[in-house]
């Protein structure tokens, strides 16, 4: 009985986290954040900053954010890089 209760609580917590992440905005741009499962971070596409999530808590302090490479952002969105490769 206890194991079943723990599973229900974990499932409820994960749903709450998803709802929370959908409502958070970037502290710098005030634009919505996108959750990236691959890096377990929240990404501001508006300014190209990734905020880490530590122990389920988003760290939205601007000093904790990391600038993203624009090519990395396009790959995460499923697009292709607009840069052209030069041949030798």
N, C-alpha and C. Protein backbone atom coordinates (compact mmCIF):
# COMPACT_ATOMS: atom_id res chain seq x y z
N UNK A 1 0.82 -1.20 0.00
CA UNK A 1 0.00 0.00 0.00
C UNK A 1 0.87 1.26 0.00
N UNK A 2 1.94 1.25 0.75
CA UNK A 2 2.80 2.42 0.83
C UNK A 2 3.49 2.66 -0.51
N UNK A 3 3.94 1.58 -1.17
CA UNK A 3 4.61 1.74 -2.46
C UNK A 3 3.68 2.37 -3.49
N UNK A 4 2.42 1.97 -3.47
CA UNK A 4 1.45 2.56 -4.39
C UNK A 4 1.26 4.04 -4.13
N UNK A 5 1.24 4.43 -2.86
CA UNK A 5 1.08 5.84 -2.50
C UNK A 5 2.27 6.65 -2.95
N UNK A 6 3.47 6.09 -2.81
CA UNK A 6 4.68 6.80 -3.22
C UNK A 6 4.65 7.03 -4.72
N UNK A 7 4.23 6.01 -5.47
CA UNK A 7 4.17 6.16 -6.93
C UNK A 7 3.18 7.25 -7.31
N UNK A 8 2.03 7.30 -6.67
CA UNK A 8 1.02 8.32 -6.96
C UNK A 8 1.58 9.71 -6.66
N UNK A 9 2.29 9.84 -5.55
CA UNK A 9 2.87 11.14 -5.18
C UNK A 9 3.93 11.57 -6.19
N UNK A 10 4.77 10.63 -6.63
CA UNK A 10 5.80 10.96 -7.62
C UNK A 10 5.16 11.40 -8.94
N UNK A 11 4.11 10.69 -9.37
CA UNK A 11 3.43 11.06 -10.61
C UNK A 11 2.78 12.44 -10.48
N UNK A 12 2.18 12.72 -9.34
CA UNK A 12 1.55 14.03 -9.12
C UNK A 12 2.60 15.12 -9.13
N UNK A 13 3.76 14.87 -8.52
CA UNK A 13 4.82 15.87 -8.46
C UNK A 13 5.37 16.16 -9.85
N UNK A 14 5.53 15.13 -10.68
CA UNK A 14 6.06 15.37 -12.01
C UNK A 14 5.08 16.19 -12.84
N UNK A 15 3.78 15.98 -12.68
CA UNK A 15 2.79 16.78 -13.39
C UNK A 15 2.80 18.22 -12.92
N UNK A 16 2.99 18.42 -11.64
CA UNK A 16 3.07 19.76 -11.09
C UNK A 16 4.29 20.48 -11.63
N UNK A 17 5.41 19.77 -11.72
CA UNK A 17 6.62 20.38 -12.24
C UNK A 17 6.42 20.81 -13.69
N UNK A 18 5.79 19.98 -14.49
CA UNK A 18 5.57 20.33 -15.89
C UNK A 18 4.70 21.58 -15.97
N UNK A 19 3.67 21.64 -15.14
CA UNK A 19 2.81 22.82 -15.12
C UNK A 19 3.60 24.05 -14.69
N UNK A 20 4.46 23.88 -13.72
CA UNK A 20 5.29 25.00 -13.24
C UNK A 20 6.21 25.47 -14.35
N UNK A 21 6.87 24.54 -15.02
CA UNK A 21 7.81 24.91 -16.08
C UNK A 21 7.12 25.65 -17.22
N UNK A 22 5.88 25.30 -17.49
CA UNK A 22 5.14 25.96 -18.56
C UNK A 22 4.81 27.41 -18.22
N UNK A 23 4.80 27.76 -16.94
CA UNK A 23 4.44 29.10 -16.51
C UNK A 23 5.65 30.00 -16.25
N UNK A 24 6.82 29.43 -16.18
CA UNK A 24 8.02 30.22 -15.88
C UNK A 24 8.46 31.03 -17.08
N UNK A 25 9.04 32.19 -16.81
CA UNK A 25 9.59 33.03 -17.87
C UNK A 25 11.04 33.35 -17.55
N UNK A 26 11.78 33.72 -18.57
CA UNK A 26 13.18 34.08 -18.41
C UNK A 26 13.28 35.35 -17.57
N UNK A 27 14.17 35.37 -16.58
CA UNK A 27 14.30 36.56 -15.74
C UNK A 27 14.89 37.77 -16.48
N UNK A 28 15.54 37.53 -17.60
CA UNK A 28 16.15 38.62 -18.35
C UNK A 28 15.24 39.15 -19.46
N UNK A 29 14.67 38.24 -20.26
CA UNK A 29 13.87 38.66 -21.41
C UNK A 29 12.37 38.70 -21.12
N UNK A 30 11.96 38.08 -20.04
CA UNK A 30 10.54 37.95 -19.67
C UNK A 30 9.74 37.17 -20.71
N UNK A 31 10.42 36.32 -21.48
CA UNK A 31 9.77 35.48 -22.49
C UNK A 31 9.64 34.06 -21.93
N UNK A 32 8.69 33.26 -22.45
CA UNK A 32 8.51 31.89 -21.96
C UNK A 32 9.77 31.04 -22.13
N UNK A 33 9.92 30.07 -21.24
CA UNK A 33 11.04 29.14 -21.28
C UNK A 33 10.57 27.81 -21.85
N UNK A 34 11.49 27.11 -22.48
CA UNK A 34 11.20 25.79 -23.06
C UNK A 34 12.01 24.75 -22.28
N UNK A 35 11.35 23.64 -21.89
CA UNK A 35 12.03 22.58 -21.17
C UNK A 35 12.74 21.67 -22.15
N UNK A 36 14.01 21.40 -21.89
CA UNK A 36 14.80 20.50 -22.72
C UNK A 36 15.10 19.25 -21.90
N UNK A 37 14.52 18.13 -22.29
CA UNK A 37 14.73 16.87 -21.57
C UNK A 37 16.16 16.38 -21.68
N UNK A 38 16.77 16.62 -22.84
CA UNK A 38 18.13 16.13 -23.09
C UNK A 38 19.14 16.72 -22.11
N UNK A 39 19.03 18.02 -21.84
CA UNK A 39 19.98 18.68 -20.94
C UNK A 39 19.40 18.94 -19.56
N UNK A 40 18.13 18.60 -19.36
CA UNK A 40 17.43 18.86 -18.10
C UNK A 40 17.59 20.33 -17.70
N UNK A 41 17.21 21.20 -18.62
CA UNK A 41 17.33 22.63 -18.37
C UNK A 41 16.16 23.36 -19.01
N UNK A 42 16.01 24.62 -18.63
CA UNK A 42 15.01 25.49 -19.22
C UNK A 42 15.73 26.44 -20.15
N UNK A 43 15.23 26.59 -21.37
CA UNK A 43 15.92 27.37 -22.38
C UNK A 43 15.08 28.57 -22.78
N UNK A 44 15.74 29.72 -22.80
CA UNK A 44 15.12 30.93 -23.32
C UNK A 44 15.56 31.08 -24.76
N UNK A 45 14.64 30.79 -25.68
CA UNK A 45 14.95 30.91 -27.11
C UNK A 45 15.12 32.36 -27.51
N UNK A 46 14.51 33.28 -26.76
CA UNK A 46 14.57 34.70 -27.10
C UNK A 46 16.00 35.25 -27.03
N UNK A 47 16.77 34.80 -26.03
CA UNK A 47 18.12 35.33 -25.87
C UNK A 47 19.19 34.24 -25.92
N UNK A 48 18.78 32.97 -26.07
CA UNK A 48 19.75 31.89 -26.20
C UNK A 48 20.48 31.56 -24.92
N UNK A 49 19.73 31.46 -23.81
CA UNK A 49 20.32 31.13 -22.51
C UNK A 49 19.66 29.88 -21.97
N UNK A 50 20.47 29.01 -21.36
CA UNK A 50 19.99 27.78 -20.75
C UNK A 50 20.13 27.89 -19.23
N UNK A 51 19.04 27.63 -18.51
CA UNK A 51 19.06 27.66 -17.05
C UNK A 51 18.97 26.23 -16.53
N UNK A 52 19.88 25.83 -15.64
CA UNK A 52 19.88 24.44 -15.15
C UNK A 52 18.72 24.18 -14.19
N UNK A 53 18.39 22.90 -14.08
CA UNK A 53 17.41 22.45 -13.08
C UNK A 53 18.17 21.51 -12.16
N UNK A 54 18.29 21.89 -10.89
CA UNK A 54 19.03 21.10 -9.92
C UNK A 54 18.07 20.55 -8.87
N UNK A 55 18.05 19.23 -8.74
CA UNK A 55 17.15 18.55 -7.79
C UNK A 55 15.70 18.96 -7.99
N UNK A 56 15.31 19.15 -9.25
CA UNK A 56 13.93 19.51 -9.55
C UNK A 56 13.60 20.98 -9.38
N UNK A 57 14.60 21.79 -9.04
CA UNK A 57 14.38 23.22 -8.81
C UNK A 57 15.07 24.02 -9.91
N UNK A 58 14.30 24.81 -10.68
CA UNK A 58 14.92 25.62 -11.72
C UNK A 58 15.76 26.74 -11.11
N UNK A 59 16.99 26.88 -11.58
CA UNK A 59 17.89 27.94 -11.11
C UNK A 59 17.82 29.09 -12.10
N UNK A 60 16.97 30.06 -11.81
CA UNK A 60 16.73 31.15 -12.74
C UNK A 60 17.50 32.42 -12.38
N UNK A 61 18.58 32.26 -11.65
CA UNK A 61 19.45 33.40 -11.35
C UNK A 61 20.25 33.67 -12.63
N UNK A 62 20.26 34.90 -13.13
CA UNK A 62 20.97 35.17 -14.38
C UNK A 62 22.42 34.69 -14.39
N UNK A 63 23.10 34.72 -13.27
CA UNK A 63 24.49 34.25 -13.21
C UNK A 63 24.60 32.74 -13.44
N UNK A 64 23.52 31.98 -13.19
CA UNK A 64 23.53 30.53 -13.39
C UNK A 64 23.26 30.15 -14.84
N UNK A 65 22.75 31.08 -15.64
CA UNK A 65 22.43 30.81 -17.04
C UNK A 65 23.69 30.68 -17.88
N UNK A 66 23.59 29.85 -18.91
CA UNK A 66 24.71 29.66 -19.83
C UNK A 66 24.27 30.02 -21.24
N UNK A 67 25.11 30.80 -21.91
CA UNK A 67 24.83 31.16 -23.30
C UNK A 67 24.91 29.92 -24.18
N UNK A 68 23.97 29.79 -25.10
CA UNK A 68 23.94 28.66 -26.00
C UNK A 68 24.49 29.05 -27.36
N UNK A 69 25.09 28.09 -28.02
CA UNK A 69 25.53 28.25 -29.39
C UNK A 69 24.28 28.27 -30.28
N UNK A 70 24.20 29.18 -31.22
CA UNK A 70 22.99 29.29 -32.05
C UNK A 70 22.77 28.02 -32.87
N UNK A 71 23.83 27.34 -33.28
CA UNK A 71 23.66 26.08 -34.02
C UNK A 71 23.06 25.01 -33.12
N UNK A 72 23.43 25.01 -31.84
CA UNK A 72 22.88 24.03 -30.89
C UNK A 72 21.39 24.26 -30.70
N UNK A 73 20.97 25.51 -30.68
CA UNK A 73 19.55 25.82 -30.51
C UNK A 73 18.76 25.30 -31.70
N UNK A 74 19.29 25.52 -32.91
CA UNK A 74 18.60 25.07 -34.10
C UNK A 74 18.50 23.55 -34.15
N UNK A 75 19.56 22.85 -33.70
CA UNK A 75 19.53 21.39 -33.68
C UNK A 75 18.48 20.90 -32.71
N UNK A 76 18.36 21.54 -31.53
CA UNK A 76 17.37 21.13 -30.54
C UNK A 76 15.96 21.34 -31.06
N UNK A 77 15.75 22.38 -31.87
CA UNK A 77 14.43 22.64 -32.40
C UNK A 77 14.11 21.75 -33.59
N UNK A 78 15.12 21.02 -34.08
CA UNK A 78 14.91 20.13 -35.21
C UNK A 78 15.17 20.78 -36.54
N UNK A 79 15.68 22.02 -36.55
CA UNK A 79 16.00 22.71 -37.79
C UNK A 79 17.43 22.43 -38.20
N UNK A 80 17.79 22.96 -39.33
CA UNK A 80 19.15 22.79 -39.80
C UNK A 80 19.90 24.09 -39.64
N UNK A 81 21.20 24.00 -39.54
CA UNK A 81 22.04 25.17 -39.43
C UNK A 81 22.00 25.94 -40.74
N UNK A 82 21.95 27.28 -40.65
CA UNK A 82 21.90 28.09 -41.85
C UNK A 82 23.30 28.36 -42.40
N UNK A 83 24.32 28.01 -41.64
CA UNK A 83 25.69 28.25 -42.08
C UNK A 83 26.08 27.31 -43.20
N UNK A 84 26.87 27.83 -44.14
CA UNK A 84 27.32 27.01 -45.27
C UNK A 84 28.72 26.49 -44.97
N UNK A 85 28.95 25.27 -45.36
CA UNK A 85 30.28 24.68 -45.18
C UNK A 85 31.10 24.94 -46.44
N UNK A 86 32.32 25.32 -46.21
CA UNK A 86 33.20 25.53 -47.36
C UNK A 86 33.93 24.23 -47.67
N UNK A 87 34.12 23.98 -48.94
CA UNK A 87 34.86 22.78 -49.34
C UNK A 87 36.31 23.14 -49.57
N UNK A 88 37.20 22.16 -49.37
CA UNK A 88 38.64 22.42 -49.54
C UNK A 88 39.01 22.54 -50.98
